[in-house]
Amino acid sequence: RAAVEAGERLRLVASAERRGGAVVARVAPARLAAGDPLATLRGQANALVLRTDLLGEVAITQLDGGLTQTAYALVSDLVEVRRRL
């Protein structure tokens, strides 16, 4: 309620970052400003926001992230990770 009253949005956000030699990941609800790219997503849309040193933030948005698309992306990513190992 406090987020909505402040004009913010609540979204479930997965994040990962490098800390030293480790990758630390988490999934948790986050309060986002109404204009945040993740806050503006609707329905089954999802997005990936990359924070880069030269380009700043780069966002890739999937407007219809249904179960089939999500499962395919996950399997594809796992195959690529295994291939690189």
Foldseek 3Di string as FASTA:
>chain_A
DVLVVVQWAKDWDWDWDDDPNDIDIDTDIDTGHCPPPQNPQDDQKDKDWDADDPPGIDIDIDNHNDPVNVVVVVVVVVVVVVVVD
